Amino acid sequence: MARITKTAKGEAPATSSVPLRLAAKQEKVFREVLTLLESQKLPYAVAGAFALRQHTGICRFTKDLDVFLSSKDISIALGLLQKKGFSCEIPDPVWLAKARREAYFVDLIAGMSNGVITVDSSWIERSLPATIVGIKTRVLAPEELIASKLFVSRRERFDGADIAHVIYASRGTLEWPRILDLAGEHWELVLWNLVLFRYVYPARSEYIPRSVWESLLTRFADQVRSPEPHAKFRGSLIDPRMFAIDVEEWGMDDILKENLSRSPKICPLPRIRRRHAR
């Protein structure tokens, strides 16, 4: 068993296969949420640390449970959770709602914060069986898990290592057409992560089919040779803070604002009528 060493405050722990141990109250909250979603047959899949463990064997502490649903189904889930006494909020109607009991959170996620990738029924249909906190449930398939992490490359958090580990653990079985379909016009982020994988695991390039390497590298070379002069600035899709100067002071396109305006939204929280004591 790997030994976990103590880290400085705020520093990420070393990766390990040491089994995840949740606080009893935290596990109870997660179990209640999953049981509720299962009983109501809401289409969802678990992501985050639990899905990463399922696909790679990596265990790491998680303060919350990440659940992926469509924006429509998030609205339904919030109503159910409120009736069960959870405190619910929608920090960002484009992609995120939260349900809290005491100090423990469940994140209900409808896509990426930049509005580029949104969860639809295919994500749930392709999810895989798993058992989490004793509940038979489902986790995102590895292709959707990778897609969910493509844009997580900010100064304070970078999921490139997670993507590399998922690719490595797949041993060449990933469905790359699906990954590229989810990435769409942002295929360069897939290539970026493949280059990182090749650097980290130089002896395992064959885990990515040669046809994928050749297609993406040829496409990239063509783009470099003949750049699109009117292509929009995309830095804010990666990190709106680090690239704020480009939009706010240098006059570049605010593609993030455009994307968010077109994205489906999570409906406002339903109102619960409470009886007043006489």
Protein backbone atom coordinates (compact mmCIF):
# COMPACT_ATOMS: atom_id res chain seq x y z
CA MET A 1 0.00 0.00 0.00
CA ALA A 2 1.32 3.44 -0.91
CA ARG A 3 2.24 5.74 1.93
CA ILE A 4 0.67 9.21 1.93
CA THR A 5 2.97 11.92 3.16
CA LYS A 6 1.73 15.13 4.72
CA THR A 7 1.68 18.16 2.48
CA ALA A 8 1.82 21.87 3.06
CA LYS A 9 -1.48 23.67 3.52
CA GLY A 10 -3.20 24.12 0.17
CA GLU A 11 -0.86 21.70 -1.59
CA ALA A 12 -2.40 18.82 -3.52
CA PRO A 13 -1.78 15.39 -2.01
CA ALA A 14 0.37 12.84 -3.80
CA THR A 15 -1.55 10.46 -6.06
CA SER A 16 -2.16 7.09 -4.46
CA SER A 17 -4.24 3.92 -4.51
CA VAL A 18 -4.96 4.16 -0.78
CA PRO A 19 -8.71 3.61 -0.37
CA LEU A 20 -10.78 6.73 0.08
CA ARG A 21 -12.23 7.11 3.56
CA LEU A 22 -15.16 9.45 3.93
CA ALA A 23 -16.46 10.88 7.18
CA ALA A 24 -19.54 8.98 8.34
CA LYS A 25 -21.83 12.01 7.94
CA GLN A 26 -20.41 12.76 4.50
CA GLU A 27 -20.97 9.19 3.34
CA LYS A 28 -24.52 9.32 4.69
CA VAL A 29 -25.26 12.49 2.70
CA PHE A 30 -23.83 11.01 -0.51
CA ARG A 31 -25.80 7.80 0.01
CA GLU A 32 -29.03 9.72 0.58
CA VAL A 33 -28.60 11.74 -2.61
CA LEU A 34 -27.78 8.72 -4.77
CA THR A 35 -30.65 6.72 -3.28
CA LEU A 36 -33.05 9.56 -4.02
CA LEU A 37 -31.89 9.92 -7.64
CA GLU A 38 -32.11 6.16 -8.15
CA SER A 39 -35.58 5.91 -6.63
CA GLN A 40 -36.85 8.67 -8.91
CA LYS A 41 -35.09 7.13 -11.94
CA LEU A 42 -33.51 10.44 -12.88
CA PRO A 43 -30.91 10.02 -15.65
CA TYR A 44 -27.52 10.92 -14.15
CA ALA A 45 -23.93 9.74 -13.84
CA VAL A 46 -21.32 10.30 -11.15
CA ALA A 47 -18.08 12.01 -12.20
CA GLY A 48 -15.20 13.58 -10.27
CA ALA A 49 -13.02 11.58 -7.89
CA PHE A 50 -15.33 8.56 -7.84
CA ALA A 51 -15.27 8.18 -11.63
CA LEU A 52 -11.52 8.73 -11.72
CA ARG A 53 -11.06 5.93 -9.18
CA GLN A 54 -13.31 3.62 -11.21
CA HIS A 55 -11.26 4.13 -14.37
CA THR A 56 -7.72 4.49 -13.01
CA GLY A 57 -7.58 3.15 -9.45
CA ILE A 58 -6.45 6.56 -8.18
CA CYS A 59 -7.99 7.48 -4.84
CA ARG A 60 -8.03 11.01 -3.54
CA PHE A 61 -9.96 12.95 -0.99
CA THR A 62 -13.15 14.55 -2.25
CA LYS A 63 -15.16 17.13 -0.36
CA ASP A 64 -18.15 16.77 -2.62
CA LEU A 65 -19.99 14.38 -4.92
CA ASP A 66 -20.08 15.39 -8.60
CA VAL A 67 -23.25 14.34 -10.39
CA PHE A 68 -23.75 15.02 -14.10
CA LEU A 69 -27.28 15.62 -15.40
CA SER A 70 -28.93 17.67 -18.12
CA SER A 71 -29.95 21.19 -17.07
CA LYS A 72 -33.62 20.09 -17.22
CA ASP A 73 -33.02 17.16 -14.89
CA ILE A 74 -30.99 19.30 -12.50
CA SER A 75 -34.08 21.44 -11.96
CA ILE A 76 -36.09 18.32 -11.12
CA ALA A 77 -33.35 17.04 -8.79
CA LEU A 78 -33.22 20.36 -6.93
CA GLY A 79 -36.92 20.20 -6.22
CA LEU A 80 -36.58 16.67 -4.85
CA LEU A 81 -33.59 17.56 -2.71
CA GLN A 82 -35.26 20.64 -1.29
CA LYS A 83 -38.21 18.54 -0.18
CA LYS A 84 -35.73 16.26 1.62
CA GLY A 85 -34.37 19.21 3.57
CA PHE A 86 -31.24 19.98 1.58
CA SER A 87 -30.17 23.60 1.20
CA CYS A 88 -30.00 24.21 -2.54
CA GLU A 89 -28.57 26.98 -4.67
CA ILE A 90 -27.62 27.68 -8.27
CA PRO A 91 -24.22 29.44 -8.26
CA ASP A 92 -24.14 29.44 -12.07
CA PRO A 93 -27.27 28.62 -14.14
CA VAL A 94 -25.10 27.67 -17.12
CA TRP A 95 -23.56 24.63 -15.49
CA LEU A 96 -23.72 24.30 -11.69
CA ALA A 97 -26.19 23.78 -8.85
CA LYS A 98 -25.38 22.71 -5.29
CA ALA A 99 -27.21 20.78 -2.62
CA ARG A 100 -25.86 21.00 0.94
CA ARG A 101 -26.51 19.32 4.22
CA GLU A 102 -24.40 20.62 7.10
CA ALA A 103 -20.82 20.83 5.78
CA TYR A 104 -21.26 18.40 2.89
CA PHE A 105 -22.00 19.27 -0.72
CA VAL A 106 -23.27 17.58 -3.84
CA ASP A 107 -22.52 19.37 -7.10
CA LEU A 108 -25.10 18.96 -9.85
CA ILE A 109 -23.30 19.67 -13.12
CA ALA A 110 -24.81 20.32 -16.55
CA GLY A 111 -21.59 20.87 -18.50
CA MET A 112 -18.53 23.08 -18.58
CA SER A 113 -18.49 26.54 -17.02
CA ASN A 114 -17.62 28.11 -20.38
CA GLY A 115 -20.71 26.70 -22.08
CA VAL A 116 -18.70 24.82 -24.71
CA ILE A 117 -19.63 21.30 -23.63
CA THR A 118 -23.06 20.43 -22.22
CA VAL A 119 -24.43 17.19 -20.82
CA ASP A 120 -27.09 15.46 -22.89
CA SER A 121 -28.80 12.06 -22.76
CA SER A 122 -25.92 10.34 -24.56
CA TRP A 123 -23.62 11.00 -21.59
CA ILE A 124 -25.97 9.09 -19.32
CA GLU A 125 -26.71 6.32 -21.82
CA ARG A 126 -22.98 5.63 -22.19
CA SER A 127 -22.26 5.67 -18.44
CA LEU A 128 -20.97 2.51 -16.76
CA PRO A 129 -22.14 0.55 -13.68
CA ALA A 130 -20.40 1.30 -10.38
CA THR A 131 -20.99 0.99 -6.67
CA ILE A 132 -20.44 4.17 -4.66
CA VAL A 133 -20.90 4.41 -0.88
CA GLY A 134 -22.75 1.12 -1.10
CA ILE A 135 -25.23 2.30 -3.75
CA LYS A 136 -25.41 0.67 -7.17
CA THR A 137 -25.13 3.59 -9.55
CA ARG A 138 -23.24 4.68 -12.68
CA VAL A 139 -20.16 6.73 -13.51
CA LEU A 140 -19.24 8.63 -16.65
CA ALA A 141 -17.60 6.53 -19.34
CA PRO A 142 -13.89 7.37 -19.78
CA GLU A 143 -14.53 9.30 -22.98
CA GLU A 144 -17.01 11.66 -21.31
CA LEU A 145 -14.77 11.92 -18.25
CA ILE A 146 -11.92 13.11 -20.49
CA ALA A 147 -14.24 15.57 -22.25
CA SER A 148 -15.34 16.98 -18.89
CA LYS A 149 -11.71 17.78 -18.08
CA LEU A 150 -10.50 19.25 -21.38
CA PHE A 151 -11.04 22.86 -20.33
CA VAL A 152 -9.90 22.46 -16.72
CA SER A 153 -6.50 24.00 -17.27
CA ARG A 154 -6.51 27.11 -15.15
CA ARG A 155 -3.80 28.58 -13.01
CA GLU A 156 -5.26 27.14 -9.80
CA ARG A 157 -6.35 23.78 -11.21
CA PHE A 158 -5.15 21.60 -14.07
CA ASP A 159 -6.74 18.25 -14.95
CA GLY A 160 -4.17 17.24 -17.57
CA ALA A 161 -2.73 14.62 -15.23
CA ASP A 162 -6.19 13.08 -14.80
CA ILE A 163 -6.60 12.85 -18.57
CA ALA A 164 -3.15 11.28 -18.93
CA HIS A 165 -4.00 8.73 -16.25
CA VAL A 166 -7.32 7.83 -17.90
CA ILE A 167 -5.58 7.32 -21.25
CA TYR A 168 -2.88 5.21 -19.62
CA ALA A 169 -5.38 3.09 -17.68
CA SER A 170 -7.45 2.48 -20.82
CA ARG A 171 -4.55 0.59 -22.46
CA GLY A 172 -5.68 1.66 -25.93
CA THR A 173 -9.41 0.93 -25.61
CA LEU A 174 -10.74 4.50 -25.71
CA GLU A 175 -13.26 5.47 -28.39
CA TRP A 176 -11.43 8.42 -29.92
CA PRO A 177 -14.17 9.32 -32.43
CA ARG A 178 -16.44 9.95 -29.43
CA ILE A 179 -13.86 12.11 -27.67
CA LEU A 180 -13.22 14.14 -30.81
CA ASP A 181 -16.94 14.49 -31.44
CA LEU A 182 -17.43 15.89 -27.93
CA ALA A 183 -14.49 18.28 -28.38
CA GLY A 184 -15.75 19.45 -31.77
CA GLU A 185 -13.99 22.56 -32.99
CA HIS A 186 -11.82 22.48 -29.87
CA TRP A 187 -9.92 19.41 -31.08
CA GLU A 188 -6.61 21.20 -30.41
CA LEU A 189 -7.20 20.68 -26.69
CA VAL A 190 -7.36 16.95 -27.36
CA LEU A 191 -4.07 17.14 -29.26
CA TRP A 192 -2.55 19.22 -26.45
CA ASN A 193 -3.41 16.50 -23.95
CA LEU A 194 -2.12 13.78 -26.25
CA VAL A 195 1.23 15.55 -26.50
CA LEU A 196 1.31 15.75 -22.70
CA PHE A 197 0.51 12.03 -22.51
CA ARG A 198 3.30 11.24 -24.98
CA TYR A 199 5.73 13.28 -22.89
CA VAL A 200 4.70 11.58 -19.64
CA TYR A 201 4.52 8.05 -21.08
CA PRO A 202 6.95 8.04 -24.05
CA ALA A 203 6.87 4.23 -24.27
CA ARG A 204 3.08 4.09 -24.57
CA SER A 205 2.28 6.14 -27.66
CA GLU A 206 0.47 3.09 -29.07
CA TYR A 207 -2.33 3.62 -26.55
CA ILE A 208 -3.50 6.29 -29.00
CA PRO A 209 -4.16 4.84 -32.48
CA ARG A 210 -1.70 5.98 -35.15
CA SER A 211 -4.65 7.19 -37.24
CA VAL A 212 -5.59 9.62 -34.45
CA TRP A 213 -2.04 10.93 -34.14
CA GLU A 214 -1.69 11.39 -37.90
CA SER A 215 -5.10 13.00 -38.35
CA LEU A 216 -4.64 15.54 -35.56
CA LEU A 217 -1.02 16.35 -36.36
CA THR A 218 -1.83 16.81 -40.05
CA ARG A 219 -4.77 19.02 -39.19
CA PHE A 220 -2.63 21.04 -36.82
CA ALA A 221 0.13 21.48 -39.40
CA ASP A 222 -2.43 22.65 -41.96
CA GLN A 223 -3.79 25.22 -39.49
CA VAL A 224 -0.32 26.53 -38.73
CA ARG A 225 0.56 26.82 -42.43
CA SER A 226 -2.71 28.52 -43.32
CA PRO A 227 -4.11 30.28 -40.25
CA GLU A 228 -7.64 31.69 -40.37
CA PRO A 229 -7.13 35.48 -40.25
CA HIS A 230 -10.56 36.14 -38.74
CA ALA A 231 -10.58 33.31 -36.18
CA LYS A 232 -11.83 34.48 -32.81
CA PHE A 233 -9.66 34.79 -29.72
CA ARG A 234 -10.35 31.80 -27.44
CA GLY A 235 -8.20 32.38 -24.38
CA SER A 236 -11.14 33.22 -22.13
CA LEU A 237 -12.57 29.75 -22.75
CA ILE A 238 -9.50 28.40 -20.95
CA ASP A 239 -9.27 30.94 -18.13
CA PRO A 240 -11.32 34.15 -18.17
CA ARG A 241 -9.22 35.70 -15.40
CA MET A 242 -5.77 35.05 -16.81
CA PHE A 243 -6.92 36.21 -20.25
CA ALA A 244 -9.10 39.08 -19.02
CA ILE A 245 -6.67 41.71 -20.28
CA ASP A 246 -7.09 40.44 -23.86
CA VAL A 247 -10.82 41.13 -23.78
CA GLU A 248 -11.05 44.10 -21.42
CA GLU A 249 -8.02 46.09 -22.55
CA TRP A 250 -6.81 44.73 -25.86
CA GLY A 251 -10.22 44.64 -27.54
CA MET A 252 -10.36 40.95 -28.45
CA ASP A 253 -13.55 38.93 -28.93
CA ASP A 254 -15.50 38.02 -25.84
CA ILE A 255 -16.30 34.52 -27.07
CA LEU A 256 -16.97 33.36 -23.51
CA LYS A 257 -19.85 35.84 -23.18
CA GLU A 258 -21.22 34.72 -26.53
CA ASN A 259 -21.11 31.06 -25.53
CA LEU A 260 -22.79 31.65 -22.18
CA SER A 261 -25.61 33.64 -23.76
CA ARG A 262 -26.46 30.66 -25.99
CA SER A 263 -26.16 27.95 -23.35
CA PRO A 264 -29.22 26.23 -21.85
CA LYS A 265 -29.89 27.37 -18.29
CA ILE A 266 -30.83 25.60 -15.09
CA CYS A 267 -34.31 26.78 -14.08
CA PRO A 268 -34.60 28.85 -10.87
CA LEU A 269 -35.11 26.96 -7.65
CA PRO A 270 -38.73 25.99 -6.98
CA ARG A 271 -40.33 27.81 -4.10
CA ILE A 272 -41.30 25.73 -1.12
CA ARG A 273 -44.27 26.86 0.85
CA ARG A 274 -43.56 26.68 4.53
CA ARG A 275 -46.22 26.66 7.21
CA HIS A 276 -45.97 29.53 9.68
CA ALA A 277 -46.49 28.82 13.36
CA ARG A 278 -49.58 30.46 14.77
